[in-house]
Protein backbone atom coordinates (compact mmCIF):
# COMPACT_ATOMS: atom_id res chain seq x y z
CA MET A 1 -8.66 3.05 8.08
CA ALA A 2 -8.57 6.45 6.35
CA GLY A 3 -5.15 7.94 5.65
CA ARG A 4 -3.87 11.11 7.25
CA LEU A 5 -5.58 14.29 6.08
CA PHE A 6 -3.87 17.36 4.67
CA CYS A 7 -5.65 20.67 4.26
CA VAL A 8 -4.33 23.25 1.79
CA GLY A 9 -5.40 26.86 2.30
CA SER A 10 -5.57 29.11 -0.76
CA TYR A 11 -6.08 32.73 -1.73
CA THR A 12 -9.35 33.16 -3.60
CA GLN A 13 -9.45 36.85 -4.60
CA GLY A 14 -8.33 37.78 -8.10
CA ASN A 15 -10.27 35.01 -9.80
CA GLY A 16 -13.82 35.99 -8.98
CA ASP A 17 -13.50 33.97 -5.77
CA ALA A 18 -13.82 30.85 -7.95
CA ARG A 19 -10.87 29.09 -6.34
CA PRO A 20 -11.53 26.85 -3.34
CA GLY A 21 -10.36 28.31 -0.07
CA ILE A 22 -9.51 24.88 1.36
CA THR A 23 -8.57 21.73 -0.51
CA VAL A 24 -8.77 18.54 1.56
CA LEU A 25 -6.26 15.80 0.65
CA ARG A 26 -5.78 12.31 2.09
CA GLU A 27 -2.66 10.15 2.15
CA ASN A 28 -2.56 7.28 -0.29
CA ALA A 29 -0.22 4.60 1.05
CA ARG A 30 0.01 2.79 -2.31
CA SER A 31 0.82 5.64 -4.67
CA GLY A 32 2.38 8.07 -2.20
CA VAL A 33 0.40 10.82 -3.94
CA PRO A 34 -2.32 12.40 -1.76
CA ASP A 35 -5.85 11.92 -3.08
CA ARG A 36 -8.02 14.99 -3.53
CA VAL A 37 -11.06 14.49 -1.26
CA GLN A 38 -13.04 17.70 -1.46
CA GLU A 39 -12.87 21.48 -1.88
CA LEU A 40 -14.42 23.99 0.49
CA ASP A 41 -15.80 27.31 -0.69
CA LEU A 42 -14.30 29.67 1.90
CA PRO A 43 -12.60 33.03 1.20
CA ASP A 44 -8.84 33.67 1.30
CA CYS A 45 -7.71 30.94 3.69
CA SER A 46 -4.07 32.02 3.85
CA TRP A 47 -3.27 30.13 7.07
CA LEU A 48 -4.62 26.94 8.64
CA ALA A 49 -4.14 25.30 12.02
CA TRP A 50 -5.55 22.11 13.54
CA HIS A 51 -7.10 21.56 16.93
CA PRO A 52 -4.63 19.45 18.94
CA ARG A 53 -7.16 16.71 19.79
CA LEU A 54 -10.30 17.14 17.67
CA PRO A 55 -10.77 16.78 13.87
CA VAL A 56 -11.23 20.54 13.55
CA VAL A 57 -9.21 22.83 11.31
CA TYR A 58 -9.16 26.62 11.66
CA ALA A 59 -8.74 29.06 8.77
CA VAL A 60 -8.04 32.78 8.75
CA HIS A 61 -9.76 34.85 6.07
CA GLU A 62 -7.19 37.41 5.03
CA ARG A 63 -9.50 40.30 4.18
CA ALA A 64 -10.04 43.89 5.28
CA GLU A 65 -12.43 42.72 7.99
CA GLY A 66 -10.60 39.70 9.33
CA THR A 67 -12.39 36.57 10.50
CA VAL A 68 -11.50 33.02 11.49
CA THR A 69 -13.60 29.92 10.76
CA ALA A 70 -13.60 26.46 12.38
CA VAL A 71 -14.39 23.43 10.19
CA GLU A 72 -14.99 19.92 11.53
CA LEU A 73 -13.98 17.11 9.17
CA SER A 74 -14.99 13.46 9.18
CA ALA A 75 -12.25 10.87 9.61
CA ASP A 76 -11.96 10.31 5.84
CA GLY A 77 -12.28 14.01 5.02
CA THR A 78 -15.38 13.60 2.86
CA ARG A 79 -17.75 15.53 5.16
CA ALA A 80 -17.21 19.04 6.46
CA THR A 81 -19.22 21.04 8.99
CA VAL A 82 -18.61 24.73 9.68
CA LEU A 83 -18.70 25.18 13.45
CA GLY A 84 -18.59 28.95 13.45
CA THR A 85 -16.89 32.16 12.28
CA VAL A 86 -15.67 34.95 14.58
CA PRO A 87 -14.13 38.37 13.74
CA THR A 88 -10.46 38.77 14.65
CA GLY A 89 -10.88 42.44 15.50
CA GLY A 90 -8.42 43.57 12.86
CA ALA A 91 -7.51 43.62 9.18
CA GLU A 92 -5.93 40.91 7.02
CA PRO A 93 -5.21 38.14 9.54
CA CYS A 94 -2.42 35.94 8.19
CA HIS A 95 -1.52 33.50 11.00
CA LEU A 96 -3.12 31.64 13.85
CA VAL A 97 -2.24 29.11 16.53
CA VAL A 98 -4.20 27.01 19.02
CA THR A 99 -3.05 26.81 22.64
CA PRO A 100 -1.98 23.34 23.85
CA ASP A 101 -5.00 23.15 26.19
CA ALA A 102 -7.27 24.01 23.21
CA ARG A 103 -9.08 26.71 25.17
CA HIS A 104 -7.98 29.59 22.94
CA LEU A 105 -7.07 30.48 19.41
CA LEU A 106 -4.71 33.39 18.68
CA ALA A 107 -4.56 35.28 15.38
CA ALA A 108 -2.12 37.83 13.95
CA ASN A 109 -3.80 40.70 12.07
CA TYR A 110 -1.20 41.77 9.52
CA GLY A 111 -3.05 44.79 8.14
CA SER A 112 -3.82 46.46 11.46
CA GLY A 113 -0.82 45.10 13.39
CA SER A 114 -2.79 43.57 16.26
CA ALA A 115 -3.10 40.09 17.80
CA ALA A 116 -6.42 38.59 18.89
CA VAL A 117 -7.36 35.92 21.41
CA ILE A 118 -10.53 33.91 20.69
CA ALA A 119 -12.17 31.48 23.11
CA LEU A 120 -12.94 27.90 21.99
CA ASP A 121 -15.70 25.69 23.37
CA ASP A 122 -15.54 21.94 24.04
CA ARG A 123 -16.39 21.16 20.40
CA GLY A 124 -13.56 23.38 19.20
CA ALA A 125 -15.92 26.07 17.96
CA PRO A 126 -14.82 29.73 18.30
CA THR A 127 -17.17 31.67 20.58
CA VAL A 128 -15.96 35.18 21.39
CA ARG A 129 -12.87 37.37 21.15
CA THR A 130 -11.46 37.74 24.69
CA ASP A 131 -8.63 40.20 24.02
CA LEU A 132 -6.92 42.28 21.35
CA ALA A 133 -3.31 43.43 21.71
CA GLU A 134 -2.63 46.50 19.57
CA HIS A 135 0.86 47.64 18.60
CA SER A 136 2.59 50.75 17.32
CA GLY A 137 5.83 51.66 15.62
CA SER A 138 7.46 51.68 12.19
CA GLY A 139 10.72 50.89 10.45
CA PRO A 140 13.08 52.18 7.75
CA VAL A 141 11.58 50.26 4.80
CA ALA A 142 8.98 52.85 3.85
CA ASP A 143 6.68 50.74 1.69
CA ARG A 144 6.49 47.82 4.17
CA GLN A 145 7.13 49.38 7.60
CA GLU A 146 4.88 52.43 7.68
CA GLY A 147 3.20 50.95 10.78
CA PRO A 148 2.88 47.71 12.72
CA HIS A 149 2.24 44.47 10.81
CA ALA A 150 1.75 41.43 13.06
CA HIS A 151 2.82 38.42 11.02
CA MET A 152 2.91 35.50 13.46
CA VAL A 153 1.90 34.46 16.96
CA THR A 154 4.27 32.01 18.63
CA LEU A 155 3.66 30.18 21.91
CA ASP A 156 6.13 28.65 24.32
CA ALA A 157 5.82 24.95 25.19
CA ALA A 158 3.35 25.66 28.00
CA GLY A 159 1.22 27.85 25.79
CA THR A 160 1.20 30.76 28.23
CA LEU A 161 4.00 32.97 26.81
CA VAL A 162 2.79 34.60 23.61
CA THR A 163 5.18 36.37 21.23
CA VAL A 164 3.87 38.43 18.32
CA THR A 165 6.28 38.89 15.42
CA ASP A 166 5.81 42.44 14.09
CA LEU A 167 7.30 42.92 10.63
CA GLY A 168 6.37 46.61 10.57
CA SER A 169 8.14 47.76 13.75
CA ASP A 170 11.04 45.24 13.86
CA THR A 171 9.79 44.10 17.26
CA LEU A 172 8.96 40.86 19.07
CA TRP A 173 6.10 41.70 21.49
CA SER A 174 5.65 39.18 24.31
CA TYR A 175 2.68 38.62 26.62
CA ARG A 176 1.45 36.32 29.37
CA LEU A 177 -1.83 34.64 28.45
CA SER A 178 -4.24 34.15 31.34
CA PRO A 179 -6.69 31.26 31.70
CA ALA A 180 -9.46 33.79 30.94
CA GLY A 181 -7.87 34.62 27.56
CA THR A 182 -6.42 38.04 28.38
CA MET A 183 -2.84 39.11 27.61
CA GLU A 184 -0.47 41.09 29.79
CA ARG A 185 2.62 42.52 28.08
CA VAL A 186 5.89 41.35 29.58
CA ALA A 187 8.50 42.50 27.05
CA ALA A 188 9.13 44.31 23.76
CA GLY A 189 12.15 42.85 21.97
CA PRO A 190 13.65 45.15 19.30
CA LEU A 191 15.50 43.64 16.33
CA PRO A 192 17.96 45.42 14.00
CA ALA A 193 16.26 48.13 11.94
CA GLY A 194 14.97 46.85 8.62
CA THR A 195 14.89 43.19 9.71
CA GLY A 196 11.20 42.85 8.88
CA PRO A 197 10.63 39.78 11.11
CA ARG A 198 8.09 37.39 9.62
CA GLN A 199 8.36 34.35 11.87
CA LEU A 200 9.70 33.37 15.27
CA ILE A 201 10.31 29.64 15.64
CA ARG A 202 10.88 28.23 19.14
CA PRO A 203 12.21 24.67 18.67
CA GLY A 204 11.12 23.57 22.15
CA ALA A 205 13.53 23.00 25.01
CA GLY A 206 16.34 25.50 25.53
CA SER A 207 16.66 29.19 24.88
CA ARG A 208 17.65 29.16 21.22
CA ALA A 209 15.13 30.29 18.57
CA TYR A 210 15.08 31.48 14.98
CA VAL A 211 13.68 34.57 13.28
CA VAL A 212 12.88 34.77 9.57
CA ALA A 213 13.98 38.24 8.40
CA GLU A 214 11.70 38.85 5.41
CA LEU A 215 12.91 42.35 4.57
CA ALA A 216 16.61 41.71 5.35
CA ALA A 217 16.39 38.38 3.43
CA GLY A 218 18.06 36.40 6.21
CA LEU A 219 17.69 33.99 9.07
CA LEU A 220 18.58 35.13 12.58
CA THR A 221 19.57 32.80 15.40
CA VAL A 222 18.48 34.32 18.71
CA THR A 223 18.60 33.36 22.35
CA GLU A 224 15.76 33.88 24.85
CA GLU A 225 17.51 33.80 28.19
CA THR A 226 14.63 35.65 29.84
CA PRO A 227 11.08 34.93 28.62
CA GLY A 228 10.28 37.36 25.83
CA VAL A 229 13.71 39.01 25.80
CA PHE A 230 15.83 38.09 22.78
CA SER A 231 19.46 38.60 21.79
CA VAL A 232 20.82 37.94 18.32
CA LEU A 233 23.51 35.23 18.24
CA GLY A 234 24.10 35.19 14.50
CA SER A 235 22.63 35.77 11.08
CA ALA A 236 22.87 34.05 7.72
CA PRO A 237 21.60 34.91 4.23
CA ALA A 238 18.35 33.14 3.41
CA SER A 239 19.56 32.29 -0.10
CA ARG A 240 22.83 32.12 -2.01
CA ARG A 241 21.14 33.18 -5.24
CA PRO A 242 21.32 36.80 -6.47
CA ASP A 243 17.57 37.14 -7.10
CA ALA A 244 15.56 39.56 -4.95
CA ASN A 245 14.32 37.43 -2.08
CA MET A 246 11.43 37.39 0.37
CA PRO A 247 12.02 34.40 2.65
CA ALA A 248 8.80 32.97 4.07
CA GLN A 249 8.61 29.71 5.99
CA PHE A 250 11.16 28.16 8.37
CA SER A 251 10.71 24.65 9.74
CA LEU A 252 12.91 22.03 11.38
CA SER A 253 13.57 18.41 10.46
CA PRO A 254 11.94 15.88 12.82
CA ASP A 255 15.25 15.36 14.69
CA GLY A 256 16.03 19.10 14.84
CA ARG A 257 19.38 18.76 13.08
CA PHE A 258 18.37 20.66 9.96
CA GLY A 259 16.29 23.75 9.25
CA PHE A 260 14.56 24.53 5.95
CA LEU A 261 13.67 28.00 4.68
CA SER A 262 11.54 28.84 1.64
CA ASN A 263 12.67 31.69 -0.60
CA ARG A 264 10.20 33.60 -2.76
CA GLY A 265 11.97 35.11 -5.75
CA PRO A 266 14.82 32.61 -6.01
CA ASP A 267 12.07 29.95 -5.56
CA THR A 268 14.26 27.66 -3.55
CA ILE A 269 14.38 25.79 -0.25
CA SER A 270 17.57 26.51 1.73
CA VAL A 271 18.92 23.90 4.12
CA PHE A 272 20.65 24.93 7.37
CA ASP A 273 22.75 22.94 9.82
CA LEU A 274 21.38 23.69 13.30
CA THR A 275 23.79 21.58 15.34
CA GLY A 276 26.14 24.46 16.14
CA GLY A 277 25.72 27.76 17.92
CA SER A 278 23.79 29.36 15.07
CA ALA A 279 22.18 28.29 11.80
CA VAL A 280 24.69 27.59 9.00
CA PRO A 281 23.54 27.29 5.37
CA VAL A 282 24.69 24.02 3.78
CA ALA A 283 22.57 23.53 0.64
CA GLU A 284 19.87 25.09 -1.51
CA TYR A 285 17.28 23.21 -3.55
CA ALA A 286 15.81 24.76 -6.73
CA LEU A 287 12.08 24.15 -6.55
CA ASN A 288 11.17 25.04 -10.16
CA ALA A 289 7.83 26.32 -8.87
CA ALA A 290 7.12 29.99 -8.24
CA TRP A 291 6.61 31.65 -4.86
CA PRO A 292 6.99 28.93 -2.19
CA ARG A 293 4.97 30.67 0.50
CA HIS A 294 4.72 27.87 3.05
CA PHE A 295 5.60 24.23 3.56
CA ALA A 296 4.98 21.50 6.11
CA VAL A 297 7.48 18.85 7.24
CA THR A 298 6.11 15.37 8.02
CA ASP A 299 8.51 12.52 8.69
CA ASP A 300 10.62 12.36 5.51
CA ARG A 301 8.62 14.72 3.31
CA LEU A 302 8.12 18.41 2.69
CA TYR A 303 4.79 19.61 1.24
CA VAL A 304 5.47 22.99 -0.36
CA ALA A 305 2.73 25.48 -1.26
CA ALA A 306 4.03 27.18 -4.43
CA GLN A 307 1.49 29.99 -4.62
CA GLN A 308 2.20 31.42 -8.06
CA ALA A 309 2.71 28.00 -9.65
CA ASP A 310 -0.73 26.74 -8.50
CA ALA A 311 1.02 23.67 -7.15
CA VAL A 312 1.81 21.71 -4.01
CA VAL A 313 5.25 20.21 -4.54
CA VAL A 314 6.14 17.13 -2.49
CA LEU A 315 9.81 16.66 -1.65
CA THR A 316 11.43 13.65 0.00
CA LEU A 317 13.95 14.34 2.74
CA ASP A 318 17.07 12.31 3.46
CA PRO A 319 17.16 12.53 7.27
CA ALA A 320 20.89 11.84 7.41
CA THR A 321 22.00 14.55 4.98
CA GLY A 322 19.08 16.97 4.65
CA VAL A 323 19.08 16.42 0.86
CA LEU A 324 15.72 17.13 -0.84
CA ARG A 325 14.34 15.51 -3.99
CA GLU A 326 11.01 16.08 -5.70
CA SER A 327 8.71 13.06 -5.78
CA HIS A 328 5.55 14.58 -7.28
CA ARG A 329 3.38 17.69 -7.45
CA LEU A 330 -0.35 18.37 -7.32
CA THR A 331 -2.37 21.15 -8.94
CA VAL A 332 -3.96 23.40 -6.30
CA ALA A 333 -5.01 26.97 -7.09
CA ALA A 334 -2.97 29.70 -5.32
CA PRO A 335 -1.91 27.59 -2.33
CA ALA A 336 -0.73 29.58 0.70
CA CYS A 337 -0.49 27.00 3.49
CA VAL A 338 -0.30 23.21 3.92
CA ALA A 339 -1.60 21.86 7.24
CA PRO A 340 -1.21 18.11 7.94
CA GLU A 341 -3.58 16.67 10.51
CA PRO A 342 -1.66 16.08 13.76
CA LEU A 343 -0.90 12.49 14.68
CA ARG A 344 -3.00 11.58 17.71
CA ALA A 345 -2.61 8.70 20.15
């Protein structure tokens, strides 16, 4: 049986588009080092997401005229079929998510500050954009908050409450998603001026959630007592190091006891204890690889996309302590996102 697949999305501009947009890797049970299976010539795949049931991976193309592409992979990853490409209706899409029922794909257009809904057919192919939520507003950081910049789309467990994280206006915009793929706004949640929210992470059950503050270089713990309405419970610095920092990715350990946050600039992974009322920093791991933009947590490993080091760094995780140790690294050009294939029954 073929091992689990991992897809790595990369930026391609700046090198004559010679870099692969997606690198397909496969687990190797013997060596523990993923095997490189193939490379796909697609432009600026800065974020990837898998279909929840089908062997289909979706990629945004972070360009002035944003698009999203669906790629079907064989079980061993050696064959790839492009199912279709659809415009996102905005500029520089940087994030996407598939609804749990797999009927829709949602994308955040960073450049234009909007969020798109795209319908999916039974094969997982994108068909048509069904809605586009446009935002307005600005913030005090003049060079980053001159207007709205949608950075992430987060769903609740049911997949019907959609929250768009807007770095440009310091706002969490929330919508109800209809079965037809249209969005109705239900709330606009302001955050402290200059926060620059990059990500909203809903752990699952309960009202607690976490916001990565890219511009304020911190991690906020928030509560969502009413759907789409957030209150800040606490904040913590993203890094203990004095370097200028742009925190990027926040993810939880499989048991939810620890949170991990990548720091671009210090080039570290911070570890947070999540067992109390708000996130508490407890450790920081020096990655020795520049610009950790994204990472994925699978069982006892972190796969870190170190964009400026042209490397995917694999760390082992001690589930009892949250301690991280490097096990190996792979050369991948300008990696921006690591997307492990979901485990399916």
